[in-house]
C-alpha atoms as a PDB file:
ATOM      1  CA  MET A   1       0.000   0.000   0.000  1.00  0.00           C
ATOM      2  CA  ARG A   2       1.322   3.419  -0.973  1.00  0.00           C
ATOM      3  CA  ILE A   3       1.145   5.818   1.992  1.00  0.00           C
ATOM      4  CA  CYS A   4       2.042   9.525   1.845  1.00  0.00           C
ATOM      5  CA  PHE A   5       2.298  12.038   4.688  1.00  0.00           C
ATOM      6  CA  TYR A   6       1.221  15.659   4.247  1.00  0.00           C
ATOM      7  CA  THR A   7       1.989  18.383   6.760  1.00  0.00           C
ATOM      8  CA  PHE A   8       3.051  21.988   7.243  1.00  0.00           C
ATOM      9  CA  GLN A   9       6.653  22.870   8.042  1.00  0.00           C
ATOM     10  CA  SER A  10       7.614  23.112  11.709  1.00  0.00           C
ATOM     11  CA  PRO A  11      10.064  21.305  13.994  1.00  0.00           C
ATOM     12  CA  VAL A  12       7.352  19.005  15.394  1.00  0.00           C
ATOM     13  CA  THR A  13       5.855  18.062  12.027  1.00  0.00           C
ATOM     14  CA  ARG A  14       9.295  17.313  10.612  1.00  0.00           C
ATOM     15  CA  TYR A  15       9.956  15.157  13.684  1.00  0.00           C
ATOM     16  CA  VAL A  16       6.677  13.299  13.130  1.00  0.00           C
ATOM     17  CA  ALA A  17       7.652  12.833   9.477  1.00  0.00           C
ATOM     18  CA  ARG A  18      10.955  11.280  10.573  1.00  0.00           C
ATOM     19  CA  LEU A  19       9.112   8.898  12.924  1.00  0.00           C
ATOM     20  CA  LEU A  20       6.791   7.794  10.129  1.00  0.00           C
ATOM     21  CA  MET A  21       9.668   7.471   7.655  1.00  0.00           C
ATOM     22  CA  ALA A  22      11.522   5.246  10.114  1.00  0.00           C
ATOM     23  CA  SER A  23       8.631   2.770   9.985  1.00  0.00           C
ATOM     24  CA  GLY A  24       9.509   1.916   6.399  1.00  0.00           C
ATOM     25  CA  ARG A  25       5.860   2.321   5.374  1.00  0.00           C
ATOM     26  CA  LEU A  26       5.923   5.775   3.797  1.00  0.00           C
ATOM     27  CA  SER A  27       6.200   6.246   0.052  1.00  0.00           C
ATOM     28  CA  ALA A  28       6.607  10.031   0.195  1.00  0.00           C
ATOM     29  CA  VAL A  29       6.419  13.122   2.414  1.00  0.00           C
ATOM     30  CA  ILE A  30       4.760  16.295   1.147  1.00  0.00           C
ATOM     31  CA  LEU A  31       5.502  19.541   2.986  1.00  0.00           C
ATOM     32  CA  GLN A  32       3.445  22.694   2.678  1.00  0.00           C
ATOM     33  CA  SER A  33       5.706  25.688   2.102  1.00  0.00           C
ATOM     34  CA  PRO A  34       5.932  28.218   4.956  1.00  0.00           C
ATOM     35  CA  MET A  35       3.653  31.228   4.627  1.00  0.00           C
ATOM     36  CA  THR A  36       5.372  34.282   3.209  1.00  0.00           C
ATOM     37  CA  ALA A  37       5.240  37.713   4.863  1.00  0.00           C
ATOM     38  CA  SER A  38       2.728  38.908   2.277  1.00  0.00           C
ATOM     39  CA  GLY A  39       0.687  35.764   2.884  1.00  0.00           C
ATOM     40  CA  LYS A  40       0.562  36.539   6.591  1.00  0.00           C
ATOM     41  CA  VAL A  41      -0.643  40.068   5.857  1.00  0.00           C
ATOM     42  CA  ARG A  42      -3.399  38.696   3.602  1.00  0.00           C
ATOM     43  CA  LEU A  43      -4.380  36.203   6.300  1.00  0.00           C
ATOM     44  CA  LEU A  44      -4.643  38.986   8.882  1.00  0.00           C
ATOM     45  CA  ALA A  45      -6.800  41.008   6.484  1.00  0.00           C
ATOM     46  CA  ARG A  46      -9.086  38.019   5.882  1.00  0.00           C
ATOM     47  CA  ARG A  47      -9.436  37.419   9.613  1.00  0.00           C
ATOM     48  CA  ALA A  48     -10.247  41.084  10.203  1.00  0.00           C
ATOM     49  CA  HIS A  49     -12.935  40.879   7.537  1.00  0.00           C
ATOM     50  CA  ARG A  50     -14.385  37.639   8.914  1.00  0.00           C
ATOM     51  CA  TYR A  51     -14.140  38.195  12.674  1.00  0.00           C
ATOM     52  CA  GLY A  52     -13.854  41.968  12.933  1.00  0.00           C
ATOM     53  CA  LEU A  53     -10.932  44.330  13.360  1.00  0.00           C
ATOM     54  CA  ALA A  54     -11.010  44.167  17.180  1.00  0.00           C
ATOM     55  CA  LYS A  55     -10.591  40.365  17.165  1.00  0.00           C
ATOM     56  CA  ALA A  56      -7.755  40.526  14.622  1.00  0.00           C
ATOM     57  CA  ILE A  57      -5.927  43.158  16.707  1.00  0.00           C
ATOM     58  CA  ASP A  58      -6.484  41.060  19.852  1.00  0.00           C
ATOM     59  CA  GLU A  59      -4.847  38.066  18.144  1.00  0.00           C
ATOM     60  CA  LEU A  60      -1.979  40.194  16.870  1.00  0.00           C
ATOM     61  CA  CYS A  61      -1.371  41.552  20.396  1.00  0.00           C
ATOM     62  CA  PHE A  62      -1.179  38.026  21.770  1.00  0.00           C
ATOM     63  CA  SER A  63       1.233  37.012  19.005  1.00  0.00           C
ATOM     64  CA  VAL A  64       3.543  39.858  20.033  1.00  0.00           C
ATOM     65  CA  TYR A  65       3.172  39.003  23.724  1.00  0.00           C
ATOM     66  CA  HIS A  66       3.943  35.336  23.075  1.00  0.00           C
ATOM     67  CA  ARG A  67       7.021  36.171  21.019  1.00  0.00           C
ATOM     68  CA  LEU A  68       8.377  38.500  23.715  1.00  0.00           C
ATOM     69  CA  PHE A  69       7.550  36.619  26.904  1.00  0.00           C
ATOM     70  CA  VAL A  70       6.793  32.936  26.162  1.00  0.00           C
ATOM     71  CA  GLN A  71       8.578  31.806  23.024  1.00  0.00           C
ATOM     72  CA  GLY A  72      12.007  31.506  24.666  1.00  0.00           C
ATOM     73  CA  ALA A  73      10.586  29.417  27.519  1.00  0.00           C
ATOM     74  CA  ASP A  74       8.804  27.226  24.964  1.00  0.00           C
ATOM     75  CA  GLU A  75      12.108  26.533  23.238  1.00  0.00           C
ATOM     76  CA  ARG A  76      13.785  25.573  26.512  1.00  0.00           C
ATOM     77  CA  LEU A  77      10.888  23.245  27.325  1.00  0.00           C
ATOM     78  CA  ARG A  78      11.106  21.591  23.916  1.00  0.00           C
ATOM     79  CA  ARG A  79      14.800  20.869  24.464  1.00  0.00           C
ATOM     80  CA  ALA A  80      13.965  19.276  27.812  1.00  0.00           C
ATOM     81  CA  VAL A  81      10.974  17.243  26.612  1.00  0.00           C
ATOM     82  CA  PHE A  82      11.727  16.086  23.083  1.00  0.00           C
ATOM     83  CA  PRO A  83      14.694  13.956  21.935  1.00  0.00           C
ATOM     84  CA  ARG A  84      17.948  15.508  20.833  1.00  0.00           C
ATOM     85  CA  GLY A  85      17.759  16.509  17.187  1.00  0.00           C
ATOM     86  CA  PHE A  86      14.012  17.192  17.455  1.00  0.00           C
ATOM     87  CA  SER A  87      14.265  20.374  15.374  1.00  0.00           C
ATOM     88  CA  ALA A  88      16.756  19.031  12.812  1.00  0.00           C
ATOM     89  CA  PRO A  89      15.989  19.545   9.101  1.00  0.00           C
ATOM     90  CA  LEU A  90      14.158  16.732   7.369  1.00  0.00           C
ATOM     91  CA  ALA A  91      16.468  14.494   5.331  1.00  0.00           C
ATOM     92  CA  ALA A  92      14.942  12.215   2.710  1.00  0.00           C
ATOM     93  CA  GLY A  93      16.679   9.040   3.906  1.00  0.00           C
ATOM     94  CA  GLY A  94      15.316   6.970   1.016  1.00  0.00           C
ATOM     95  CA  VAL A  95      11.822   8.495   1.166  1.00  0.00           C
ATOM     96  CA  PRO A  96      11.270  11.318  -1.346  1.00  0.00           C
ATOM     97  CA  VAL A  97      10.314  14.675   0.164  1.00  0.00           C
ATOM     98  CA  TYR A  98       8.322  17.199  -1.875  1.00  0.00           C
ATOM     99  CA  GLU A  99       7.250  20.763  -1.178  1.00  0.00           C
ATOM    100  CA  VAL A 100       4.127  22.510  -2.458  1.00  0.00           C
ATOM    101  CA  ALA A 101       2.430  25.800  -1.664  1.00  0.00           C
ATOM    102  CA  SER A 102      -0.830  23.900  -1.159  1.00  0.00           C
ATOM    103  CA  LEU A 103      -2.333  20.552  -2.111  1.00  0.00           C
ATOM    104  CA  ASN A 104      -5.294  22.555  -3.398  1.00  0.00           C
ATOM    105  CA  SER A 105      -3.058  24.195  -6.011  1.00  0.00           C
ATOM    106  CA  ASP A 106      -2.680  22.762  -9.511  1.00  0.00           C
ATOM    107  CA  ASP A 107       0.899  21.771  -8.652  1.00  0.00           C
ATOM    108  CA  GLY A 108      -0.263  20.060  -5.461  1.00  0.00           C
ATOM    109  CA  LYS A 109      -3.018  18.099  -7.175  1.00  0.00           C
ATOM    110  CA  GLY A 110      -0.680  17.178 -10.012  1.00  0.00           C
ATOM    111  CA  LEU A 111       1.940  15.882  -7.575  1.00  0.00           C
ATOM    112  CA  LEU A 112      -0.640  13.825  -5.695  1.00  0.00           C
ATOM    113  CA  ARG A 113      -1.895  12.241  -8.908  1.00  0.00           C
ATOM    114  CA  ARG A 114       1.662  11.344  -9.947  1.00  0.00           C
ATOM    115  CA  LEU A 115       2.395   9.753  -6.576  1.00  0.00           C
ATOM    116  CA  GLU A 116      -0.833   7.702  -6.750  1.00  0.00           C
ATOM    117  CA  PRO A 117      -1.138   7.126  -2.980  1.00  0.00           C
ATOM    118  CA  ASP A 118      -3.679   4.693  -1.599  1.00  0.00           C
ATOM    119  CA  VAL A 119      -4.014   6.864   1.499  1.00  0.00           C
ATOM    120  CA  VAL A 120      -2.586  10.171   2.714  1.00  0.00           C
ATOM    121  CA  LEU A 121      -1.852  10.682   6.410  1.00  0.00           C
ATOM    122  CA  MET A 122      -1.838  14.274   7.529  1.00  0.00           C
ATOM    123  CA  GLU A 123      -1.180  16.703  10.325  1.00  0.00           C
ATOM    124  CA  SER A 124      -2.274  19.816   8.494  1.00  0.00           C
ATOM    125  CA  ARG A 125      -3.916  23.196   9.068  1.00  0.00           C
ATOM    126  CA  GLU A 126      -5.214  23.346   5.513  1.00  0.00           C
ATOM    127  CA  LEU A 127      -8.833  22.834   4.467  1.00  0.00           C
ATOM    128  CA  LEU A 128      -8.622  20.528   1.477  1.00  0.00           C
ATOM    129  CA  ASP A 129     -10.908  20.651  -1.547  1.00  0.00           C
ATOM    130  CA  ARG A 130     -13.153  17.693  -2.310  1.00  0.00           C
ATOM    131  CA  GLU A 131     -11.249  17.141  -5.550  1.00  0.00           C
ATOM    132  CA  VAL A 132      -8.027  16.676  -3.561  1.00  0.00           C
ATOM    133  CA  LEU A 133      -9.664  14.429  -0.964  1.00  0.00           C
ATOM    134  CA  ALA A 134     -10.911  12.126  -3.741  1.00  0.00           C
ATOM    135  CA  ILE A 135      -7.469  11.487  -5.277  1.00  0.00           C
ATOM    136  CA  PRO A 136      -6.170   8.803  -2.839  1.00  0.00           C
ATOM    137  CA  ARG A 137      -8.138   5.562  -3.148  1.00  0.00           C
ATOM    138  CA  LEU A 138      -8.696   5.430   0.627  1.00  0.00           C
ATOM    139  CA  GLY A 139      -8.814   9.173   1.231  1.00  0.00           C
ATOM    140  CA  PHE A 140      -7.049  11.236   3.909  1.00  0.00           C
ATOM    141  CA  ILE A 141      -6.570  10.292   7.566  1.00  0.00           C
ATOM    142  CA  GLY A 142      -5.785  13.140   9.931  1.00  0.00           C
ATOM    143  CA  CYS A 143      -4.356  13.480  13.427  1.00  0.00           C
ATOM    144  CA  HIS A 144      -5.751  16.397  15.447  1.00  0.00           C
ATOM    145  CA  PRO A 145      -4.233  17.469  18.806  1.00  0.00           C
ATOM    146  CA  GLY A 146      -7.636  17.789  20.428  1.00  0.00           C
ATOM    147  CA  ILE A 147     -10.727  15.770  21.277  1.00  0.00           C
ATOM    148  CA  LEU A 148     -13.156  15.762  18.350  1.00  0.00           C
ATOM    149  CA  PRO A 149     -15.784  16.930  17.763  1.00  0.00           C
ATOM    150  CA  ASP A 150     -15.665  19.046  20.937  1.00  0.00           C
ATOM    151  CA  TYR A 151     -12.506  20.981  20.134  1.00  0.00           C
ATOM    152  CA  ARG A 152     -12.034  21.534  16.439  1.00  0.00           C
ATOM    153  CA  GLY A 153      -9.677  24.258  15.240  1.00  0.00           C
ATOM    154  CA  VAL A 154      -6.354  25.582  16.487  1.00  0.00           C
ATOM    155  CA  TYR A 155      -4.686  25.041  19.873  1.00  0.00           C
ATOM    156  CA  ALA A 156      -7.383  22.739  21.234  1.00  0.00           C
ATOM    157  CA  PRO A 157      -5.481  22.089  24.520  1.00  0.00           C
ATOM    158  CA  PHE A 158      -5.607  25.799  25.370  1.00  0.00           C
ATOM    159  CA  TRP A 159      -9.322  26.093  24.707  1.00  0.00           C
ATOM    160  CA  ALA A 160     -10.167  22.920  26.635  1.00  0.00           C
ATOM    161  CA  ARG A 161      -8.276  24.134  29.694  1.00  0.00           C
ATOM    162  CA  SER A 162      -9.551  27.692  29.409  1.00  0.00           C
ATOM    163  CA  ARG A 163     -13.092  26.271  29.578  1.00  0.00           C
ATOM    164  CA  GLY A 164     -12.294  24.150  32.637  1.00  0.00           C
ATOM    165  CA  GLU A 165     -12.225  20.834  30.746  1.00  0.00           C
ATOM    166  CA  PRO A 166      -8.669  19.465  31.067  1.00  0.00           C
ATOM    167  CA  GLU A 167     -10.098  15.953  30.665  1.00  0.00           C
ATOM    168  CA  LYS A 168     -10.749  16.912  27.040  1.00  0.00           C
ATOM    169  CA  VAL A 169      -7.070  17.510  26.301  1.00  0.00           C
ATOM    170  CA  GLY A 170      -6.014  14.712  23.970  1.00  0.00           C
ATOM    171  CA  TRP A 171      -5.809  13.667  20.328  1.00  0.00           C
ATOM    172  CA  SER A 172      -8.114  12.279  17.649  1.00  0.00           C
ATOM    173  CA  ILE A 173      -7.623  10.276  14.451  1.00  0.00           C
ATOM    174  CA  TYR A 174     -10.273  10.837  11.805  1.00  0.00           C
ATOM    175  CA  ARG A 175     -11.124  10.380   8.141  1.00  0.00           C
ATOM    176  CA  ALA A 176     -10.898  13.892   6.748  1.00  0.00           C
ATOM    177  CA  ASP A 177     -13.706  15.481   4.797  1.00  0.00           C
ATOM    178  CA  ASP A 178     -13.884  19.047   3.493  1.00  0.00           C
ATOM    179  CA  GLY A 179     -14.839  20.496   6.890  1.00  0.00           C
ATOM    180  CA  LEU A 180     -12.526  21.847   9.585  1.00  0.00           C
ATOM    181  CA  ASP A 181     -11.157  18.871  11.567  1.00  0.00           C
ATOM    182  CA  ALA A 182     -14.280  17.015  10.495  1.00  0.00           C
ATOM    183  CA  GLY A 183     -15.013  13.481   9.360  1.00  0.00           C
ATOM    184  CA  ALA A 184     -15.630   9.985  10.684  1.00  0.00           C
ATOM    185  CA  LEU A 185     -13.744   9.308  13.922  1.00  0.00           C
ATOM    186  CA  ILE A 186     -11.317   6.396  13.951  1.00  0.00           C
ATOM    187  CA  ALA A 187      -9.810   6.828  17.436  1.00  0.00           C
ATOM    188  CA  LYS A 188      -9.479   9.414  20.177  1.00  0.00           C
ATOM    189  CA  ARG A 189      -7.732   9.462  23.521  1.00  0.00           C
ATOM    190  CA  SER A 190      -7.582  11.849  26.453  1.00  0.00           C
ATOM    191  CA  SER A 191      -4.071  12.739  27.580  1.00  0.00           C
ATOM    192  CA  PRO A 192      -3.823  14.826  30.765  1.00  0.00           C
ATOM    193  CA  PRO A 193      -2.023  18.184  30.427  1.00  0.00           C
ATOM    194  CA  GLN A 194       1.701  17.933  31.107  1.00  0.00           C
ATOM    195  CA  PHE A 195       2.715  21.595  31.116  1.00  0.00           C
ATOM    196  CA  PRO A 196       1.518  24.948  32.491  1.00  0.00           C
ATOM    197  CA  LEU A 197      -1.156  26.664  30.418  1.00  0.00           C
ATOM    198  CA  ARG A 198       1.247  29.176  28.829  1.00  0.00           C
ATOM    199  CA  HIS A 199       3.040  26.286  27.114  1.00  0.00           C
ATOM    200  CA  PHE A 200      -0.080  25.323  25.148  1.00  0.00           C
ATOM    201  CA  LYS A 201       1.936  25.256  21.912  1.00  0.00           C
ATOM    202  CA  VAL A 202       4.325  22.631  23.285  1.00  0.00           C
ATOM    203  CA  GLU A 203       1.300  20.756  24.693  1.00  0.00           C
ATOM    204  CA  SER A 204      -0.195  20.658  21.195  1.00  0.00           C
ATOM    205  CA  GLU A 205       3.099  19.390  19.789  1.00  0.00           C
ATOM    206  CA  ARG A 206       3.275  16.653  22.424  1.00  0.00           C
ATOM    207  CA  LEU A 207      -0.188  15.464  21.369  1.00  0.00           C
ATOM    208  CA  MET A 208       0.767  15.519  17.687  1.00  0.00           C
ATOM    209  CA  VAL A 209       3.693  13.223  18.440  1.00  0.00           C
ATOM    210  CA  GLU A 210       1.544  10.928  20.624  1.00  0.00           C
ATOM    211  CA  GLY A 211      -1.136  10.603  17.980  1.00  0.00           C
ATOM    212  CA  ALA A 212       1.285   9.986  15.127  1.00  0.00           C
ATOM    213  CA  SER A 213       1.814   6.347  16.096  1.00  0.00           C
ATOM    214  CA  GLU A 214      -1.907   5.767  15.556  1.00  0.00           C
ATOM    215  CA  LEU A 215      -1.820   7.167  12.016  1.00  0.00           C
ATOM    216  CA  LEU A 216      -0.064   4.112  10.581  1.00  0.00           C
ATOM    217  CA  LYS A 217      -2.429   1.792  12.446  1.00  0.00           C
ATOM    218  CA  ALA A 218      -5.338   3.687  10.951  1.00  0.00           C
ATOM    219  CA  ALA A 219      -3.824   3.384   7.467  1.00  0.00           C
ATOM    220  CA  GLU A 220      -3.438  -0.358   7.883  1.00  0.00           C
ATOM    221  CA  ALA A 221      -7.032  -0.654   9.098  1.00  0.00           C
ATOM    222  CA  ALA A 222      -8.226   1.397   6.125  1.00  0.00           C
ATOM    223  CA  GLY A 223      -6.415  -0.968   3.797  1.00  0.00           C
ATOM    224  CA  GLN A 224      -8.430  -3.841   5.239  1.00  0.00           C
ATOM    225  CA  ASP A 225     -11.707  -1.955   5.567  1.00  0.00           C
ATOM    226  CA  ALA A 226     -12.193   1.099   3.377  1.00  0.00           C
ATOM    227  CA  ALA A 227     -15.141   2.185   5.547  1.00  0.00           C
ATOM    228  CA  ALA A 228     -13.262   1.999   8.867  1.00  0.00           C
ATOM    229  CA  GLY A 229     -14.237   4.762  11.278  1.00  0.00           C
ATOM    230  CA  SER A 230     -17.382   5.662  13.157  1.00  0.00           C
ATOM    231  CA  ALA A 231     -19.995   7.975  11.710  1.00  0.00           C
ATOM    232  CA  PRO A 232     -19.482  11.671  12.464  1.00  0.00           C
ATOM    233  CA  PRO A 233     -21.365  12.741  15.611  1.00  0.00           C
ATOM    234  CA  ALA A 234     -24.728  14.427  15.128  1.00  0.00           C
ATOM    235  CA  SER A 235     -23.364  17.498  16.924  1.00  0.00           C
ATOM    236  CA  PRO A 236     -20.635  19.321  14.991  1.00  0.00           C
ATOM    237  CA  GLY A 237     -18.883  20.272  18.240  1.00  0.00           C
ATOM    238  CA  GLY A 238     -17.036  23.517  18.866  1.00  0.00           C
ATOM    239  CA  VAL A 239     -14.801  25.326  16.387  1.00  0.00           C
ATOM    240  CA  PHE A 240     -12.100  27.423  18.037  1.00  0.00           C
ATOM    241  CA  THR A 241     -10.054  30.118  16.403  1.00  0.00           C
ATOM    242  CA  HIS A 242      -6.698  31.769  17.126  1.00  0.00           C
ATOM    243  CA  ILE A 243      -6.006  33.024  20.641  1.00  0.00           C
ATOM    244  CA  GLY A 244      -6.321  36.694  21.462  1.00  0.00           C
ATOM    245  CA  LEU A 245      -4.568  38.475  24.302  1.00  0.00           C
ATOM    246  CA  SER A 246      -7.909  38.877  26.079  1.00  0.00           C
ATOM    247  CA  ASP A 247      -8.531  35.106  25.775  1.00  0.00           C
ATOM    248  CA  TYR A 248      -5.141  34.369  27.274  1.00  0.00           C
ATOM    249  CA  VAL A 249      -5.574  36.806  30.185  1.00  0.00           C
ATOM    250  CA  LYS A 250      -8.974  35.319  31.067  1.00  0.00           C
ATOM    251  CA  ALA A 251      -7.650  31.756  30.901  1.00  0.00           C
ATOM    252  CA  ALA A 252      -4.551  32.606  32.963  1.00  0.00           C
ATOM    253  CA  TRP A 253      -6.704  34.346  35.583  1.00  0.00           C
ATOM    254  CA  ARG A 254      -9.028  31.344  35.755  1.00  0.00           C
ATOM    255  CA  THR A 255      -6.098  28.946  36.165  1.00  0.00           C
ATOM    256  CA  ALA A 256      -4.413  31.128  38.803  1.00  0.00           C
ATOM    257  CA  ARG A 257      -7.623  31.190  40.852  1.00  0.00           C
ATOM    258  CA  GLY A 258      -8.108  27.437  40.449  1.00  0.00           C
ATOM    259  CA  CYS A 259     -11.518  27.918  38.891  1.00  0.00           C
ATOM    260  CA  GLY A 260     -13.268  24.871  37.463  1.00  0.00           C
ATOM    261  CA  THR A 261     -11.405  21.586  37.356  1.00  0.00           C
ATOM    262  CA  ASP A 262      -8.159  22.705  35.745  1.00  0.00           C
ATOM    263  CA  ARG A 263      -5.741  23.576  38.548  1.00  0.00           C
ATOM    264  CA  SER A 264      -2.517  22.974  36.623  1.00  0.00           C
END
């Protein structure tokens, strides 16, 4: 069975790619190119249009705060938690590595058709078109660092803890459709928070690594049963967006006061 892995570029996703490559089961790795500066500006403009200028500014303020006061501590925590060489560049090692701006692009779809995968495993932030999802014979199987369908979207561990539900920190494996972190569930598992709330990014990365081992199992199961996976829940669950400075302050205050069940 031909298995490809699609993901965005970051130290944790490259590490997951290396773990999957070491299994000897991957036929190829496809990396989404990093967003350019102009792309980030366009994204901010789209978010301002969709969610309002105040929300976009709130998110931008948190991004600046995180870069100034948390990012360095995150890096030190990563060095303590993950194996040496965690952030090393991805070397092919016998498995071809490709880079595309997006699988939804003509180049991305063309590459996928040439590779002819039976199934594509993914840890991706990209909403894929139905045309792309239909190319692999067995579709796409995703790993999400959150409990689905309750916590769809970005940084699910932060939102679960900010809402006093640390028991819903975990990961999910699912058959991807054209919705956001949506599709038939294959597996999910709670994994208690390991780090203080401010390290939610490292928490998300930990869950991505934990869930990666289940991706190959899911691919094997799909090869035996193309319909493997439970039906999507009737409730679509919650969809959570990027964190604003006001969101972070409220969550930190709640945690400091020991409100709800999350006292970590």
